[in-house]
Amino acid sequence: MLVDRLLQGAWDTLLMIGASALVTLLLGIPLALFLVTSARDGIFEARWANGAIGSVVNVLRSIPFLILMVALIPFTRLIVGTSYGVWAAVVPLTVASTPFFARIAEVSLREVDRGLIEAAQAMGCRRWHIVWHVLLPEARPGIVAGFTITLVSMINASAVAGAIGAGGLGDLAYRYGYQRFDTQVMLTVIVLLVLLVSLIQLGGDRLALRLNKRI
């Protein structure tokens, strides 16, 4: 019985993280590119838009996840039709993780050698070509490393979400480990979360190192 609950909790956590991570990746990279290219002296300079979007990103990053999750309940219901369960947790996880990842990716994109961009401009490359063939390839190792950090933070947030009705390992640890004082369940959940984080960190570090060697 316990094994079944643990397997279901692990699957719910993976589903929660996987769906949120995919949307975060699809939204975070374009957002980071916008913040870099629209900044002062950027290839798509638009400082007023950069300041407005940057302010929104900063506000979302500053809100603790638990408060954000509660505040987004009406929006979550609008998107997925419910405020409980795995899919309901995907919405606040994505909203919290996207600006976090975007800022990390932005740092990696800003570290690209300005000389490479200027050389591409001198060769007559179009601005979108510079994005696809200079900025993104050069920043890939840093982006992968940043996404790894984002995934780890999402696992931590998913445990909080699980404790207030989202399911997953966090829900299991709260209902059976904390409320019923079952030390075995609590320790097992901790071990599973540590293993999950370790695997993600190891895989992300290796991929970032491999991409770095290719540059």
N, C-alpha and C. Protein backbone atom coordinates (compact mmCIF):
# COMPACT_ATOMS: atom_id res chain seq x y z
N MET A 1 0.83 -1.21 0.00
CA MET A 1 0.00 0.00 0.00
C MET A 1 0.86 1.26 0.00
N LEU A 2 1.88 1.26 0.87
CA LEU A 2 2.78 2.39 0.94
C LEU A 2 3.55 2.55 -0.37
N VAL A 3 3.97 1.42 -0.93
CA VAL A 3 4.72 1.46 -2.19
C VAL A 3 3.86 2.06 -3.30
N ASP A 4 2.59 1.67 -3.34
CA ASP A 4 1.68 2.22 -4.35
C ASP A 4 1.53 3.74 -4.21
N ARG A 5 1.41 4.18 -2.96
CA ARG A 5 1.28 5.62 -2.72
C ARG A 5 2.55 6.36 -3.14
N LEU A 6 3.69 5.77 -2.82
CA LEU A 6 4.97 6.39 -3.19
C LEU A 6 5.13 6.47 -4.70
N LEU A 7 4.76 5.40 -5.40
CA LEU A 7 4.87 5.39 -6.86
C LEU A 7 3.94 6.43 -7.47
N GLN A 8 2.72 6.51 -6.95
CA GLN A 8 1.77 7.50 -7.46
C GLN A 8 2.25 8.92 -7.16
N GLY A 9 2.78 9.11 -5.95
CA GLY A 9 3.29 10.43 -5.59
C GLY A 9 4.47 10.84 -6.45
N ALA A 10 5.37 9.88 -6.72
CA ALA A 10 6.53 10.17 -7.57
C ALA A 10 6.09 10.50 -8.99
N TRP A 11 5.11 9.74 -9.51
CA TRP A 11 4.61 10.00 -10.85
C TRP A 11 3.95 11.38 -10.94
N ASP A 12 3.14 11.72 -9.93
CA ASP A 12 2.49 13.03 -9.92
C ASP A 12 3.52 14.16 -9.88
N THR A 13 4.56 13.96 -9.09
CA THR A 13 5.61 14.99 -9.01
C THR A 13 6.32 15.15 -10.34
N LEU A 14 6.67 14.02 -10.98
CA LEU A 14 7.34 14.08 -12.28
C LEU A 14 6.46 14.72 -13.34
N LEU A 15 5.17 14.40 -13.30
CA LEU A 15 4.23 15.00 -14.26
C LEU A 15 4.11 16.50 -14.04
N MET A 16 4.02 16.88 -12.78
CA MET A 16 3.91 18.29 -12.41
C MET A 16 5.14 19.07 -12.87
N ILE A 17 6.31 18.52 -12.57
CA ILE A 17 7.57 19.18 -12.93
C ILE A 17 7.78 19.17 -14.44
N GLY A 18 7.49 18.04 -15.07
CA GLY A 18 7.72 17.93 -16.51
C GLY A 18 6.89 18.92 -17.31
N ALA A 19 5.59 19.00 -17.00
CA ALA A 19 4.72 19.93 -17.73
C ALA A 19 5.13 21.38 -17.47
N SER A 20 5.41 21.70 -16.22
CA SER A 20 5.81 23.07 -15.87
C SER A 20 7.15 23.43 -16.51
N ALA A 21 8.08 22.48 -16.51
CA ALA A 21 9.41 22.73 -17.06
C ALA A 21 9.34 22.99 -18.56
N LEU A 22 8.50 22.24 -19.27
CA LEU A 22 8.36 22.42 -20.71
C LEU A 22 7.84 23.81 -21.04
N VAL A 23 6.79 24.24 -20.34
CA VAL A 23 6.23 25.57 -20.60
C VAL A 23 7.22 26.65 -20.18
N THR A 24 7.91 26.43 -19.06
CA THR A 24 8.91 27.40 -18.60
C THR A 24 10.02 27.58 -19.62
N LEU A 25 10.46 26.49 -20.21
CA LEU A 25 11.52 26.56 -21.23
C LEU A 25 11.04 27.31 -22.47
N LEU A 26 9.81 27.01 -22.89
CA LEU A 26 9.27 27.64 -24.10
C LEU A 26 9.01 29.13 -23.92
N LEU A 27 8.69 29.54 -22.69
CA LEU A 27 8.43 30.95 -22.42
C LEU A 27 9.66 31.69 -21.93
N GLY A 28 10.51 31.00 -21.17
CA GLY A 28 11.64 31.66 -20.52
C GLY A 28 12.72 32.11 -21.48
N ILE A 29 13.05 31.29 -22.48
CA ILE A 29 14.11 31.66 -23.42
C ILE A 29 13.72 32.87 -24.27
N PRO A 30 12.51 32.89 -24.87
CA PRO A 30 12.12 34.11 -25.59
C PRO A 30 12.09 35.36 -24.70
N LEU A 31 11.65 35.18 -23.45
CA LEU A 31 11.62 36.31 -22.53
C LEU A 31 13.03 36.81 -22.25
N ALA A 32 13.96 35.89 -22.04
CA ALA A 32 15.35 36.28 -21.80
C ALA A 32 15.94 36.98 -23.02
N LEU A 33 15.65 36.46 -24.20
CA LEU A 33 16.14 37.09 -25.43
C LEU A 33 15.59 38.50 -25.57
N PHE A 34 14.31 38.67 -25.23
CA PHE A 34 13.73 40.00 -25.31
C PHE A 34 14.42 40.96 -24.34
N LEU A 35 14.66 40.51 -23.11
CA LEU A 35 15.28 41.37 -22.11
C LEU A 35 16.69 41.78 -22.53
N VAL A 36 17.39 40.90 -23.23
CA VAL A 36 18.76 41.21 -23.66
C VAL A 36 18.76 42.08 -24.91
N THR A 37 18.00 41.69 -25.90
CA THR A 37 18.05 42.40 -27.19
C THR A 37 17.34 43.74 -27.19
N SER A 38 16.40 43.95 -26.25
CA SER A 38 15.67 45.22 -26.21
C SER A 38 16.30 46.22 -25.25
N ALA A 39 17.37 45.81 -24.58
CA ALA A 39 18.04 46.71 -23.64
C ALA A 39 18.81 47.80 -24.39
N ARG A 40 19.37 48.71 -23.65
CA ARG A 40 20.15 49.79 -24.27
C ARG A 40 21.30 49.20 -25.08
N ASP A 41 21.46 49.66 -26.31
CA ASP A 41 22.48 49.18 -27.26
C ASP A 41 22.23 47.75 -27.71
N GLY A 42 21.03 47.23 -27.44
CA GLY A 42 20.69 45.91 -27.93
C GLY A 42 20.34 45.94 -29.40
N ILE A 43 20.28 44.76 -30.02
CA ILE A 43 20.04 44.72 -31.47
C ILE A 43 18.58 45.03 -31.82
N PHE A 44 17.70 44.93 -30.82
CA PHE A 44 16.30 45.34 -30.99
C PHE A 44 15.95 46.36 -29.91
N GLU A 45 16.74 47.38 -29.79
CA GLU A 45 16.60 48.31 -28.65
C GLU A 45 15.19 48.87 -28.53
N ALA A 46 14.62 48.70 -27.34
CA ALA A 46 13.30 49.25 -27.02
C ALA A 46 13.25 49.39 -25.50
N ARG A 47 13.89 50.44 -25.00
CA ARG A 47 14.13 50.55 -23.56
C ARG A 47 12.85 50.66 -22.74
N TRP A 48 11.83 51.32 -23.29
CA TRP A 48 10.58 51.45 -22.52
C TRP A 48 9.91 50.09 -22.34
N ALA A 49 9.91 49.28 -23.41
CA ALA A 49 9.32 47.94 -23.31
C ALA A 49 10.17 47.05 -22.41
N ASN A 50 11.48 47.22 -22.51
CA ASN A 50 12.39 46.44 -21.67
C ASN A 50 12.16 46.74 -20.20
N GLY A 51 11.99 48.03 -19.88
CA GLY A 51 11.75 48.41 -18.49
C GLY A 51 10.43 47.89 -17.97
N ALA A 52 9.39 47.93 -18.81
CA ALA A 52 8.07 47.47 -18.38
C ALA A 52 8.07 45.97 -18.13
N ILE A 53 8.58 45.21 -19.09
CA ILE A 53 8.61 43.75 -18.94
C ILE A 53 9.55 43.35 -17.81
N GLY A 54 10.68 44.04 -17.70
CA GLY A 54 11.61 43.74 -16.62
C GLY A 54 11.00 43.96 -15.25
N SER A 55 10.16 44.99 -15.12
CA SER A 55 9.49 45.27 -13.84
C SER A 55 8.52 44.15 -13.49
N VAL A 56 7.78 43.66 -14.48
CA VAL A 56 6.85 42.56 -14.24
C VAL A 56 7.60 41.31 -13.80
N VAL A 57 8.71 41.03 -14.47
CA VAL A 57 9.53 39.88 -14.11
C VAL A 57 10.02 40.00 -12.67
N ASN A 58 10.49 41.17 -12.30
CA ASN A 58 10.99 41.38 -10.95
C ASN A 58 9.90 41.21 -9.89
N VAL A 59 8.70 41.70 -10.20
CA VAL A 59 7.58 41.57 -9.26
C VAL A 59 7.23 40.10 -9.05
N LEU A 60 7.13 39.35 -10.14
CA LEU A 60 6.78 37.93 -10.02
C LEU A 60 7.85 37.15 -9.27
N ARG A 61 9.09 37.51 -9.47
CA ARG A 61 10.19 36.82 -8.79
C ARG A 61 10.21 37.10 -7.30
N SER A 62 9.68 38.25 -6.91
CA SER A 62 9.76 38.65 -5.50
C SER A 62 8.65 38.06 -4.64
N ILE A 63 7.63 37.47 -5.26
CA ILE A 63 6.50 36.94 -4.50
C ILE A 63 6.81 35.50 -4.06
N PRO A 64 6.73 35.19 -2.77
CA PRO A 64 6.94 33.81 -2.31
C PRO A 64 5.96 32.86 -3.00
N PHE A 65 6.43 31.63 -3.28
CA PHE A 65 5.62 30.72 -4.09
C PHE A 65 4.28 30.40 -3.45
N LEU A 66 4.24 30.21 -2.14
CA LEU A 66 2.99 29.86 -1.49
C LEU A 66 1.95 30.98 -1.67
N ILE A 67 2.38 32.22 -1.50
CA ILE A 67 1.47 33.36 -1.67
C ILE A 67 1.04 33.47 -3.13
N LEU A 68 1.99 33.27 -4.04
CA LEU A 68 1.68 33.34 -5.46
C LEU A 68 0.66 32.28 -5.85
N MET A 69 0.83 31.09 -5.31
CA MET A 69 -0.07 29.99 -5.64
C MET A 69 -1.50 30.30 -5.20
N VAL A 70 -1.64 30.86 -4.02
CA VAL A 70 -2.98 31.22 -3.52
C VAL A 70 -3.56 32.38 -4.33
N ALA A 71 -2.74 33.37 -4.66
CA ALA A 71 -3.21 34.52 -5.41
C ALA A 71 -3.67 34.14 -6.81
N LEU A 72 -3.07 33.09 -7.36
CA LEU A 72 -3.39 32.68 -8.74
C LEU A 72 -4.55 31.69 -8.82
N ILE A 73 -5.21 31.40 -7.70
CA ILE A 73 -6.30 30.42 -7.72
C ILE A 73 -7.37 30.76 -8.75
N PRO A 74 -7.87 32.00 -8.84
CA PRO A 74 -8.87 32.30 -9.88
C PRO A 74 -8.35 32.07 -11.30
N PHE A 75 -7.10 32.48 -11.54
CA PHE A 75 -6.50 32.28 -12.86
C PHE A 75 -6.30 30.79 -13.15
N THR A 76 -5.88 30.05 -12.13
CA THR A 76 -5.69 28.60 -12.29
C THR A 76 -7.01 27.92 -12.65
N ARG A 77 -8.07 28.31 -11.97
CA ARG A 77 -9.39 27.74 -12.28
C ARG A 77 -9.82 28.07 -13.70
N LEU A 78 -9.48 29.26 -14.14
CA LEU A 78 -9.83 29.67 -15.49
C LEU A 78 -9.09 28.84 -16.53
N ILE A 79 -7.83 28.50 -16.24
CA ILE A 79 -7.01 27.77 -17.20
C ILE A 79 -7.31 26.27 -17.21
N VAL A 80 -7.34 25.66 -16.02
CA VAL A 80 -7.47 24.19 -15.96
C VAL A 80 -8.79 23.73 -15.36
N GLY A 81 -9.62 24.66 -14.88
CA GLY A 81 -10.93 24.29 -14.38
C GLY A 81 -10.98 23.85 -12.93
N THR A 82 -9.87 23.87 -12.24
CA THR A 82 -9.84 23.47 -10.83
C THR A 82 -8.64 24.11 -10.15
N SER A 83 -8.70 24.18 -8.83
CA SER A 83 -7.57 24.73 -8.07
C SER A 83 -6.87 23.65 -7.26
N TYR A 84 -7.23 22.37 -7.48
CA TYR A 84 -6.61 21.26 -6.77
C TYR A 84 -6.07 20.25 -7.77
N GLY A 85 -5.06 19.52 -7.34
CA GLY A 85 -4.54 18.46 -8.17
C GLY A 85 -3.27 18.86 -8.91
N VAL A 86 -2.74 17.89 -9.64
CA VAL A 86 -1.46 18.05 -10.32
C VAL A 86 -1.51 19.18 -11.35
N TRP A 87 -2.52 19.17 -12.21
CA TRP A 87 -2.58 20.16 -13.29
C TRP A 87 -2.82 21.56 -12.76
N ALA A 88 -3.49 21.67 -11.63
CA ALA A 88 -3.69 22.98 -11.03
C ALA A 88 -2.36 23.56 -10.54
N ALA A 89 -1.44 22.69 -10.14
CA ALA A 89 -0.15 23.15 -9.65
C ALA A 89 0.76 23.60 -10.78
N VAL A 90 0.50 23.09 -12.00
CA VAL A 90 1.34 23.45 -13.13
C VAL A 90 1.30 24.95 -13.40
N VAL A 91 0.13 25.56 -13.24
CA VAL A 91 -0.01 26.99 -13.54
C VAL A 91 0.86 27.86 -12.64
N PRO A 92 0.73 27.79 -11.31
CA PRO A 92 1.60 28.64 -10.47
C PRO A 92 3.08 28.25 -10.56
N LEU A 93 3.36 26.97 -10.76
CA LEU A 93 4.76 26.57 -10.93
C LEU A 93 5.38 27.23 -12.15
N THR A 94 4.61 27.27 -13.23
CA THR A 94 5.10 27.90 -14.45
C THR A 94 5.25 29.40 -14.28
N VAL A 95 4.26 30.03 -13.66
CA VAL A 95 4.31 31.49 -13.45
C VAL A 95 5.49 31.87 -12.56
N ALA A 96 5.79 31.04 -11.56
CA ALA A 96 6.91 31.33 -10.66
C ALA A 96 8.26 31.04 -11.31
N SER A 97 8.33 29.98 -12.11
CA SER A 97 9.61 29.53 -12.66
C SER A 97 10.04 30.29 -13.90
N THR A 98 9.09 30.75 -14.69
CA THR A 98 9.46 31.41 -15.95
C THR A 98 10.30 32.67 -15.74
N PRO A 99 9.89 33.61 -14.89
CA PRO A 99 10.75 34.79 -14.69
C PRO A 99 12.08 34.45 -14.02
N PHE A 100 12.06 33.44 -13.15
CA PHE A 100 13.30 33.00 -12.50
C PHE A 100 14.29 32.49 -13.54
N PHE A 101 13.81 31.61 -14.43
CA PHE A 101 14.68 31.06 -15.47
C PHE A 101 15.08 32.13 -16.47
N ALA A 102 14.15 33.03 -16.79
CA ALA A 102 14.45 34.07 -17.76
C ALA A 102 15.62 34.94 -17.30
N ARG A 103 15.65 35.28 -16.02
CA ARG A 103 16.73 36.12 -15.50
C ARG A 103 18.07 35.37 -15.54
N ILE A 104 18.04 34.06 -15.24
CA ILE A 104 19.27 33.29 -15.31
C ILE A 104 19.77 33.19 -16.75
N ALA A 105 18.84 32.90 -17.68
CA ALA A 105 19.21 32.82 -19.09
C ALA A 105 19.70 34.17 -19.60
N GLU A 106 19.10 35.25 -19.09
CA GLU A 106 19.51 36.59 -19.50
C GLU A 106 20.97 36.84 -19.16
N VAL A 107 21.39 36.39 -17.97
CA VAL A 107 22.79 36.55 -17.57
C VAL A 107 23.71 35.83 -18.55
N SER A 108 23.35 34.61 -18.92
CA SER A 108 24.17 33.84 -19.86
C SER A 108 24.23 34.52 -21.22
N LEU A 109 23.13 35.07 -21.69
CA LEU A 109 23.10 35.74 -22.98
C LEU A 109 23.92 37.03 -22.95
N ARG A 110 23.91 37.73 -21.83
CA ARG A 110 24.68 38.97 -21.72
C ARG A 110 26.18 38.70 -21.67
N GLU A 111 26.56 37.49 -21.29
CA GLU A 111 27.98 37.16 -21.20
C GLU A 111 28.59 36.78 -22.56
N VAL A 112 27.74 36.70 -23.59
CA VAL A 112 28.27 36.43 -24.93
C VAL A 112 29.17 37.59 -25.36
N ASP A 113 30.33 37.26 -25.90
CA ASP A 113 31.31 38.27 -26.29
C ASP A 113 30.69 39.29 -27.24
N ARG A 114 30.73 40.54 -26.85
CA ARG A 114 30.16 41.60 -27.68
C ARG A 114 30.86 41.68 -29.03
N GLY A 115 32.13 41.29 -29.07
CA GLY A 115 32.88 41.32 -30.32
C GLY A 115 32.30 40.39 -31.37
N LEU A 116 31.75 39.24 -30.92
CA LEU A 116 31.13 38.32 -31.87
C LEU A 116 29.89 38.93 -32.51
N ILE A 117 29.11 39.64 -31.70
CA ILE A 117 27.91 40.29 -32.22
C ILE A 117 28.29 41.39 -33.21
N GLU A 118 29.28 42.19 -32.85
CA GLU A 118 29.72 43.27 -33.73
C GLU A 118 30.31 42.72 -35.02
N ALA A 119 31.02 41.59 -34.92
CA ALA A 119 31.57 40.98 -36.13
C ALA A 119 30.46 40.50 -37.05
N ALA A 120 29.43 39.90 -36.45
CA ALA A 120 28.29 39.43 -37.25
C ALA A 120 27.57 40.60 -37.91
N GLN A 121 27.44 41.72 -37.19
CA GLN A 121 26.80 42.91 -37.76
C GLN A 121 27.64 43.48 -38.90
N ALA A 122 28.97 43.46 -38.73
CA ALA A 122 29.87 43.97 -39.78
C ALA A 122 29.80 43.12 -41.04
N MET A 123 29.49 41.83 -40.87
CA MET A 123 29.38 40.93 -42.02
C MET A 123 28.02 41.04 -42.70
N GLY A 124 27.14 41.87 -42.15
CA GLY A 124 25.84 42.07 -42.77
C GLY A 124 24.77 41.09 -42.31
N CYS A 125 24.99 40.38 -41.23
CA CYS A 125 24.00 39.43 -40.74
C CYS A 125 22.75 40.17 -40.25
N ARG A 126 21.61 39.60 -40.53
CA ARG A 126 20.37 40.16 -40.02
C ARG A 126 20.28 39.93 -38.51
N ARG A 127 19.45 40.75 -37.88
CA ARG A 127 19.38 40.67 -36.41
C ARG A 127 18.89 39.31 -35.92
N TRP A 128 17.91 38.72 -36.61
CA TRP A 128 17.44 37.41 -36.18
C TRP A 128 18.49 36.33 -36.41
N HIS A 129 19.33 36.51 -37.43
CA HIS A 129 20.44 35.57 -37.65
C HIS A 129 21.43 35.64 -36.49
N ILE A 130 21.64 36.85 -36.00
CA ILE A 130 22.55 37.01 -34.85
C ILE A 130 22.00 36.29 -33.63
N VAL A 131 20.68 36.40 -33.44
CA VAL A 131 20.04 35.70 -32.31
C VAL A 131 20.23 34.20 -32.41
N TRP A 132 19.93 33.64 -33.60
CA TRP A 132 19.95 32.19 -33.77
C TRP A 132 21.35 31.60 -33.91
N HIS A 133 22.26 32.36 -34.51
CA HIS A 133 23.56 31.79 -34.84
C HIS A 133 24.71 32.32 -33.98
N VAL A 134 24.44 33.32 -33.16
CA VAL A 134 25.49 33.85 -32.28
C VAL A 134 25.06 33.78 -30.82
N LEU A 135 23.99 34.47 -30.48
CA LEU A 135 23.58 34.56 -29.08
C LEU A 135 23.23 33.20 -28.48
N LEU A 136 22.30 32.50 -29.08
CA LEU A 136 21.84 31.23 -28.51
C LEU A 136 22.92 30.16 -28.48
N PRO A 137 23.67 29.93 -29.58
CA PRO A 137 24.72 28.90 -29.51
C PRO A 137 25.79 29.20 -28.47
N GLU A 138 26.20 30.46 -28.37
CA GLU A 138 27.26 30.81 -27.42
C GLU A 138 26.78 30.72 -25.98
N ALA A 139 25.50 30.94 -25.75
CA ALA A 139 24.97 30.96 -24.38
C ALA A 139 24.42 29.61 -23.95
N ARG A 140 24.44 28.60 -24.82
CA ARG A 140 23.82 27.32 -24.50
C ARG A 140 24.30 26.68 -23.20
N PRO A 141 25.61 26.60 -22.93
CA PRO A 141 26.03 25.97 -21.66
C PRO A 141 25.44 26.67 -20.44
N GLY A 142 25.48 28.00 -20.44
CA GLY A 142 24.93 28.74 -19.31
C GLY A 142 23.43 28.58 -19.19
N ILE A 143 22.74 28.53 -20.33
CA ILE A 143 21.29 28.35 -20.30
C ILE A 143 20.93 26.99 -19.74
N VAL A 144 21.66 25.95 -20.16
CA VAL A 144 21.41 24.60 -19.65
C VAL A 144 21.67 24.54 -18.14
N ALA A 145 22.76 25.15 -17.70
CA ALA A 145 23.07 25.17 -16.27
C ALA A 145 21.98 25.92 -15.50
N GLY A 146 21.51 27.03 -16.07
CA GLY A 146 20.45 27.79 -15.42
C GLY A 146 19.13 27.04 -15.38
N PHE A 147 18.85 26.29 -16.43
CA PHE A 147 17.61 25.51 -16.46
C PHE A 147 17.67 24.39 -15.43
N THR A 148 18.86 23.84 -15.23
CA THR A 148 19.03 22.82 -14.20
C THR A 148 18.72 23.37 -12.82
N ILE A 149 19.23 24.57 -12.54
CA ILE A 149 18.93 25.22 -11.26
C ILE A 149 17.43 25.47 -11.13
N THR A 150 16.80 25.87 -12.24
CA THR A 150 15.36 26.12 -12.23
C THR A 150 14.59 24.85 -11.92
N LEU A 151 14.99 23.74 -12.51
CA LEU A 151 14.32 22.46 -12.24
C LEU A 151 14.40 22.08 -10.77
N VAL A 152 15.56 22.30 -10.17
CA VAL A 152 15.73 21.98 -8.75
C VAL A 152 14.81 22.85 -7.90
N SER A 153 14.73 24.14 -8.23
CA SER A 153 13.83 25.02 -7.48
C SER A 153 12.37 24.63 -7.68
N MET A 154 12.04 24.12 -8.86
CA MET A 154 10.68 23.67 -9.13
C MET A 154 10.32 22.45 -8.30
N ILE A 155 11.27 21.57 -8.08
CA ILE A 155 11.03 20.41 -7.22
C ILE A 155 10.71 20.86 -5.80
N ASN A 156 11.47 21.83 -5.32
CA ASN A 156 11.20 22.37 -3.98
C ASN A 156 9.80 22.99 -3.92
N ALA A 157 9.44 23.75 -4.95
CA ALA A 157 8.13 24.38 -4.97
C ALA A 157 7.02 23.35 -5.10
N SER A 158 7.27 22.27 -5.84
CA SER A 158 6.24 21.24 -6.01
C SER A 158 5.91 20.56 -4.69
N ALA A 159 6.91 20.45 -3.82
CA ALA A 159 6.66 19.88 -2.50
C ALA A 159 5.74 20.77 -1.68
N VAL A 160 5.93 22.09 -1.81
CA VAL A 160 5.04 23.04 -1.13
C VAL A 160 3.64 22.95 -1.72
N ALA A 161 3.56 22.89 -3.04
CA ALA A 161 2.26 22.79 -3.71
C ALA A 161 1.54 21.50 -3.31
N GLY A 162 2.30 20.42 -3.19
CA GLY A 162 1.70 19.14 -2.80
C GLY A 162 1.11 19.18 -1.41
N ALA A 163 1.72 19.95 -0.54
CA ALA A 163 1.25 20.02 0.84
C ALA A 163 -0.07 20.77 0.98
N ILE A 164 -0.47 21.52 -0.05
CA ILE A 164 -1.74 22.25 0.03
C ILE A 164 -2.71 21.81 -1.07
N GLY A 165 -2.60 20.54 -1.46
CA GLY A 165 -3.63 19.97 -2.31
C GLY A 165 -3.26 19.66 -3.74
N ALA A 166 -1.98 19.79 -4.11
CA ALA A 166 -1.60 19.55 -5.50
C ALA A 166 -1.21 18.10 -5.78
N GLY A 167 -1.10 17.31 -4.74
CA GLY A 167 -0.68 15.93 -4.94
C GLY A 167 0.84 15.81 -4.99
N GLY A 168 1.31 14.62 -5.35
CA GLY A 168 2.75 14.41 -5.45
C GLY A 168 3.38 14.01 -4.13
N LEU A 169 4.69 14.01 -4.12
CA LEU A 169 5.43 13.59 -2.94
C LEU A 169 5.23 14.55 -1.77
N GLY A 170 5.04 15.83 -2.05
CA GLY A 170 4.80 16.80 -0.98
C GLY A 170 3.52 16.50 -0.24
N ASP A 171 2.48 16.14 -0.98
CA ASP A 171 1.19 15.78 -0.37
C ASP A 171 1.34 14.53 0.48
N LEU A 172 2.10 13.58 -0.03
CA LEU A 172 2.32 12.33 0.70
C LEU A 172 3.07 12.58 2.00
N ALA A 173 4.11 13.42 1.93
CA ALA A 173 4.89 13.71 3.12
C ALA A 173 4.05 14.45 4.16
N TYR A 174 3.18 15.34 3.70
CA TYR A 174 2.37 16.13 4.63
C TYR A 174 1.27 15.28 5.27
N ARG A 175 0.51 14.56 4.45
CA ARG A 175 -0.64 13.82 4.97
C ARG A 175 -0.25 12.61 5.80
N TYR A 176 0.76 11.87 5.33
CA TYR A 176 1.12 10.63 6.01
C TYR A 176 2.35 10.77 6.89
N GLY A 177 3.29 11.60 6.44
CA GLY A 177 4.50 11.76 7.24
C GLY A 177 4.34 12.72 8.40
N TYR A 178 3.68 13.87 8.13
CA TYR A 178 3.54 14.90 9.16
C TYR A 178 2.28 14.72 9.99
N GLN A 179 1.12 14.66 9.35
CA GLN A 179 -0.14 14.60 10.09
C GLN A 179 -0.29 13.29 10.85
N ARG A 180 0.23 12.19 10.32
CA ARG A 180 0.11 10.90 10.99
C ARG A 180 1.39 10.48 11.70
N PHE A 181 2.36 11.38 11.71
CA PHE A 181 3.64 11.12 12.41
C PHE A 181 4.29 9.81 11.96
N ASP A 182 4.25 9.56 10.65
CA ASP A 182 4.86 8.36 10.09
C ASP A 182 6.27 8.71 9.60
N THR A 183 7.25 8.42 10.42
CA THR A 183 8.64 8.77 10.11
C THR A 183 9.13 8.04 8.87
N GLN A 184 8.69 6.82 8.68
CA GLN A 184 9.13 6.04 7.53
C GLN A 184 8.73 6.71 6.21
N VAL A 185 7.49 7.18 6.15
CA VAL A 185 7.03 7.86 4.94
C VAL A 185 7.82 9.14 4.71
N MET A 186 8.02 9.92 5.76
CA MET A 186 8.74 11.18 5.65
C MET A 186 10.16 10.96 5.14
N LEU A 187 10.86 10.00 5.72
CA LEU A 187 12.23 9.72 5.31
C LEU A 187 12.29 9.20 3.88
N THR A 188 11.33 8.36 3.52
CA THR A 188 11.31 7.81 2.16
C THR A 188 11.10 8.92 1.13
N VAL A 189 10.18 9.84 1.42
CA VAL A 189 9.95 10.97 0.52
C VAL A 189 11.19 11.84 0.40
N ILE A 190 11.87 12.08 1.52
CA ILE A 190 13.09 12.88 1.49
C ILE A 190 14.15 12.23 0.62
N VAL A 191 14.32 10.90 0.77
CA VAL A 191 15.30 10.17 -0.03
C VAL A 191 14.95 10.27 -1.52
N LEU A 192 13.69 10.11 -1.86
CA LEU A 192 13.27 10.19 -3.26
C LEU A 192 13.51 11.57 -3.84
N LEU A 193 13.22 12.61 -3.08
CA LEU A 193 13.45 13.97 -3.56
C LEU A 193 14.93 14.26 -3.72
N VAL A 194 15.74 13.77 -2.79
CA VAL A 194 17.20 13.97 -2.89
C VAL A 194 17.74 13.26 -4.12
N LEU A 195 17.27 12.04 -4.37
CA LEU A 195 17.71 11.29 -5.56
C LEU A 195 17.29 12.02 -6.84
N LEU A 196 16.07 12.52 -6.87
CA LEU A 196 15.59 13.22 -8.05
C LEU A 196 16.41 14.48 -8.32
N VAL A 197 16.66 15.25 -7.28
CA VAL A 197 17.47 16.46 -7.43
C VAL A 197 18.89 16.12 -7.88
N SER A 198 19.47 15.07 -7.30
CA SER A 198 20.83 14.68 -7.64
C SER A 198 20.94 14.24 -9.10
N LEU A 199 19.96 13.48 -9.57
CA LEU A 199 19.97 13.03 -10.96
C LEU A 199 19.84 14.20 -11.93
N ILE A 200 18.94 15.12 -11.62
CA ILE A 200 18.76 16.28 -12.48
C ILE A 200 20.02 17.15 -12.50
N GLN A 201 20.61 17.36 -11.33
CA GLN A 201 21.81 18.18 -11.25
C GLN A 201 22.97 17.54 -12.00
N LEU A 202 23.12 16.23 -11.83
CA LEU A 202 24.20 15.51 -12.52
C LEU A 202 24.02 15.57 -14.03
N GLY A 203 22.79 15.30 -14.48
CA GLY A 203 22.53 15.33 -15.92
C GLY A 203 22.72 16.72 -16.50
N GLY A 204 22.24 17.73 -15.81
CA GLY A 204 22.39 19.10 -16.29
C GLY A 204 23.84 19.54 -16.34
N ASP A 205 24.61 19.19 -15.32
CA ASP A 205 26.04 19.56 -15.29
C ASP A 205 26.81 18.90 -16.43
N ARG A 206 26.51 17.65 -16.69
CA ARG A 206 27.21 16.93 -17.76
C ARG A 206 26.86 17.50 -19.13
N LEU A 207 25.58 17.81 -19.33
CA LEU A 207 25.17 18.39 -20.61
C LEU A 207 25.78 19.76 -20.82
N ALA A 208 25.81 20.58 -19.78
CA ALA A 208 26.41 21.91 -19.88
C ALA A 208 27.90 21.81 -20.18
N LEU A 209 28.58 20.85 -19.55
CA LEU A 209 30.01 20.67 -19.79
C LEU A 209 30.26 20.21 -21.23
N ARG A 210 29.42 19.32 -21.72
CA ARG A 210 29.58 18.83 -23.10
C ARG A 210 29.35 19.96 -24.11
N LEU A 211 28.34 20.76 -23.86
CA LEU A 211 28.08 21.89 -24.78
C LEU A 211 29.20 22.91 -24.71
N ASN A 212 29.77 23.10 -23.54
CA ASN A 212 30.85 24.06 -23.37
C ASN A 212 32.09 23.63 -24.15
N LYS A 213 32.33 22.32 -24.23
CA LYS A 213 33.49 21.81 -24.95
C LYS A 213 33.33 21.96 -26.46
N ARG A 214 32.08 22.02 -26.91
CA ARG A 214 31.82 22.13 -28.34
C ARG A 214 31.99 23.55 -28.87
N ILE A 215 31.96 24.51 -27.95
CA ILE A 215 32.07 25.91 -28.38
C ILE A 215 33.53 26.25 -28.71
